[in-house]
C-alpha atoms as a PDB file:
ATOM      1  CA  MET A   1     -56.261 -47.263 -40.170  1.00  0.00           C
ATOM      2  CA  PRO A   2     -56.196 -46.285 -36.491  1.00  0.00           C
ATOM      3  CA  GLN A   3     -59.256 -46.979 -34.340  1.00  0.00           C
ATOM      4  CA  GLN A   4     -58.818 -43.674 -32.494  1.00  0.00           C
ATOM      5  CA  TRP A   5     -57.020 -40.401 -33.035  1.00  0.00           C
ATOM      6  CA  ASP A   6     -55.669 -38.969 -29.807  1.00  0.00           C
ATOM      7  CA  SER A   7     -54.524 -35.638 -28.463  1.00  0.00           C
ATOM      8  CA  ALA A   8     -50.873 -36.663 -28.884  1.00  0.00           C
ATOM      9  CA  ALA A   9     -51.382 -36.977 -32.653  1.00  0.00           C
ATOM     10  CA  LEU A  10     -53.178 -33.630 -32.764  1.00  0.00           C
ATOM     11  CA  PHE A  11     -50.487 -31.921 -30.682  1.00  0.00           C
ATOM     12  CA  GLU A  12     -47.759 -33.431 -32.870  1.00  0.00           C
ATOM     13  CA  PHE A  13     -49.460 -31.887 -35.904  1.00  0.00           C
ATOM     14  CA  LEU A  14     -49.766 -28.514 -34.166  1.00  0.00           C
ATOM     15  CA  VAL A  15     -46.033 -28.468 -33.429  1.00  0.00           C
ATOM     16  CA  THR A  16     -44.554 -30.087 -36.541  1.00  0.00           C
ATOM     17  CA  GLN A  17     -46.948 -28.910 -39.245  1.00  0.00           C
ATOM     18  CA  ALA A  18     -48.675 -25.780 -37.942  1.00  0.00           C
ATOM     19  CA  GLY A  19     -45.574 -24.312 -36.286  1.00  0.00           C
ATOM     20  CA  LEU A  20     -46.994 -23.931 -32.797  1.00  0.00           C
ATOM     21  CA  PRO A  21     -44.109 -23.743 -30.308  1.00  0.00           C
ATOM     22  CA  GLU A  22     -44.163 -26.736 -27.973  1.00  0.00           C
ATOM     23  CA  ASP A  23     -44.236 -24.359 -25.005  1.00  0.00           C
ATOM     24  CA  ASP A  24     -47.523 -22.939 -26.323  1.00  0.00           C
ATOM     25  CA  LEU A  25     -49.388 -26.254 -26.463  1.00  0.00           C
ATOM     26  CA  PRO A  26     -52.670 -25.858 -24.608  1.00  0.00           C
ATOM     27  CA  THR A  27     -53.331 -27.670 -21.362  1.00  0.00           C
ATOM     28  CA  SER A  28     -56.943 -28.217 -22.387  1.00  0.00           C
ATOM     29  CA  LEU A  29     -58.590 -29.359 -25.613  1.00  0.00           C
ATOM     30  CA  ASP A  30     -61.387 -26.838 -25.047  1.00  0.00           C
ATOM     31  CA  VAL A  31     -59.643 -24.177 -27.129  1.00  0.00           C
ATOM     32  CA  THR A  32     -60.020 -23.108 -30.744  1.00  0.00           C
ATOM     33  CA  PHE A  33     -57.277 -22.641 -33.311  1.00  0.00           C
ATOM     34  CA  GLU A  34     -57.727 -18.908 -32.859  1.00  0.00           C
ATOM     35  CA  ASP A  35     -57.311 -19.226 -29.069  1.00  0.00           C
ATOM     36  CA  ILE A  36     -53.839 -20.724 -29.547  1.00  0.00           C
ATOM     37  CA  GLY A  37     -52.795 -18.244 -32.224  1.00  0.00           C
ATOM     38  CA  LEU A  38     -53.313 -20.386 -35.331  1.00  0.00           C
ATOM     39  CA  ASP A  39     -55.173 -19.232 -38.406  1.00  0.00           C
ATOM     40  CA  SER A  40     -57.425 -20.735 -41.057  1.00  0.00           C
ATOM     41  CA  LEU A  41     -54.423 -21.879 -43.086  1.00  0.00           C
ATOM     42  CA  ALA A  42     -53.307 -24.054 -40.179  1.00  0.00           C
ATOM     43  CA  TYR A  43     -56.823 -25.494 -40.037  1.00  0.00           C
ATOM     44  CA  LEU A  44     -56.703 -26.250 -43.772  1.00  0.00           C
ATOM     45  CA  GLN A  45     -53.398 -28.056 -43.212  1.00  0.00           C
ATOM     46  CA  LEU A  46     -55.012 -30.047 -40.421  1.00  0.00           C
ATOM     47  CA  GLN A  47     -57.925 -30.982 -42.699  1.00  0.00           C
ATOM     48  CA  SER A  48     -55.474 -32.316 -45.256  1.00  0.00           C
ATOM     49  CA  GLU A  49     -53.413 -34.154 -42.627  1.00  0.00           C
ATOM     50  CA  VAL A  50     -56.462 -35.831 -41.085  1.00  0.00           C
ATOM     51  CA  LEU A  51     -57.820 -36.845 -44.476  1.00  0.00           C
ATOM     52  CA  GLY A  52     -54.472 -38.316 -45.512  1.00  0.00           C
ATOM     53  CA  ALA A  53     -53.654 -39.978 -42.189  1.00  0.00           C
ATOM     54  CA  VAL A  54     -57.006 -41.410 -41.157  1.00  0.00           C
ATOM     55  CA  GLY A  55     -59.329 -40.807 -44.119  1.00  0.00           C
ATOM     56  CA  VAL A  56     -61.699 -38.485 -42.264  1.00  0.00           C
ATOM     57  CA  GLU A  57     -62.958 -35.182 -43.656  1.00  0.00           C
ATOM     58  CA  LEU A  58     -63.271 -32.296 -41.231  1.00  0.00           C
ATOM     59  CA  PRO A  59     -65.802 -29.558 -41.991  1.00  0.00           C
ATOM     60  CA  ALA A  60     -64.568 -27.079 -44.596  1.00  0.00           C
ATOM     61  CA  ASP A  61     -66.043 -24.236 -42.578  1.00  0.00           C
ATOM     62  CA  PRO A  62     -65.736 -25.103 -38.917  1.00  0.00           C
ATOM     63  CA  PRO A  63     -68.523 -23.664 -36.795  1.00  0.00           C
ATOM     64  CA  PRO A  64     -67.687 -20.801 -34.430  1.00  0.00           C
ATOM     65  CA  GLY A  65     -66.107 -22.128 -31.274  1.00  0.00           C
ATOM     66  CA  TYR A  66     -64.927 -25.361 -32.953  1.00  0.00           C
ATOM     67  CA  THR A  67     -62.446 -26.645 -30.390  1.00  0.00           C
ATOM     68  CA  LEU A  68     -59.619 -29.135 -30.486  1.00  0.00           C
ATOM     69  CA  ALA A  69     -61.899 -31.455 -28.488  1.00  0.00           C
ATOM     70  CA  ASP A  70     -64.559 -31.086 -31.206  1.00  0.00           C
ATOM     71  CA  ILE A  71     -61.984 -32.020 -33.839  1.00  0.00           C
ATOM     72  CA  LEU A  72     -60.943 -35.165 -31.960  1.00  0.00           C
ATOM     73  CA  ASP A  73     -64.582 -36.097 -31.356  1.00  0.00           C
ATOM     74  CA  ALA A  74     -65.429 -35.683 -35.057  1.00  0.00           C
ATOM     75  CA  VAL A  75     -62.468 -37.750 -36.175  1.00  0.00           C
ATOM     76  CA  ASN A  76     -63.075 -40.524 -33.654  1.00  0.00           C
ATOM     77  CA  LEU A  77     -66.799 -40.654 -34.379  1.00  0.00           C
ATOM     78  CA  ALA A  78     -66.062 -41.025 -38.090  1.00  0.00           C
ATOM     79  CA  LEU A  79     -63.476 -43.734 -37.372  1.00  0.00           C
ATOM     80  CA  THR A  80     -65.919 -45.761 -35.282  1.00  0.00           C
ATOM     81  CA  THR A  81     -68.739 -45.514 -37.827  1.00  0.00           C
ATOM     82  CA  SER A  82     -66.681 -46.365 -40.900  1.00  0.00           C
END
């Protein structure tokens, strides 16, 4: 199991699994799924991907303003405490 999950892994998911065009990848992690044009189904896919890849559960109902940075922080915190 990886010690850290990085933005490259998250961006790869966004492009290959969520269908975000590579040209639309954000320059900052301080954006939400909604900000980059992805919906709750894409978030559900991400939840499944993260659980399968690194064994970490993301919140079923992300709080308002839950950013890509928040996702990486949650995953990496869980990885370091497990």
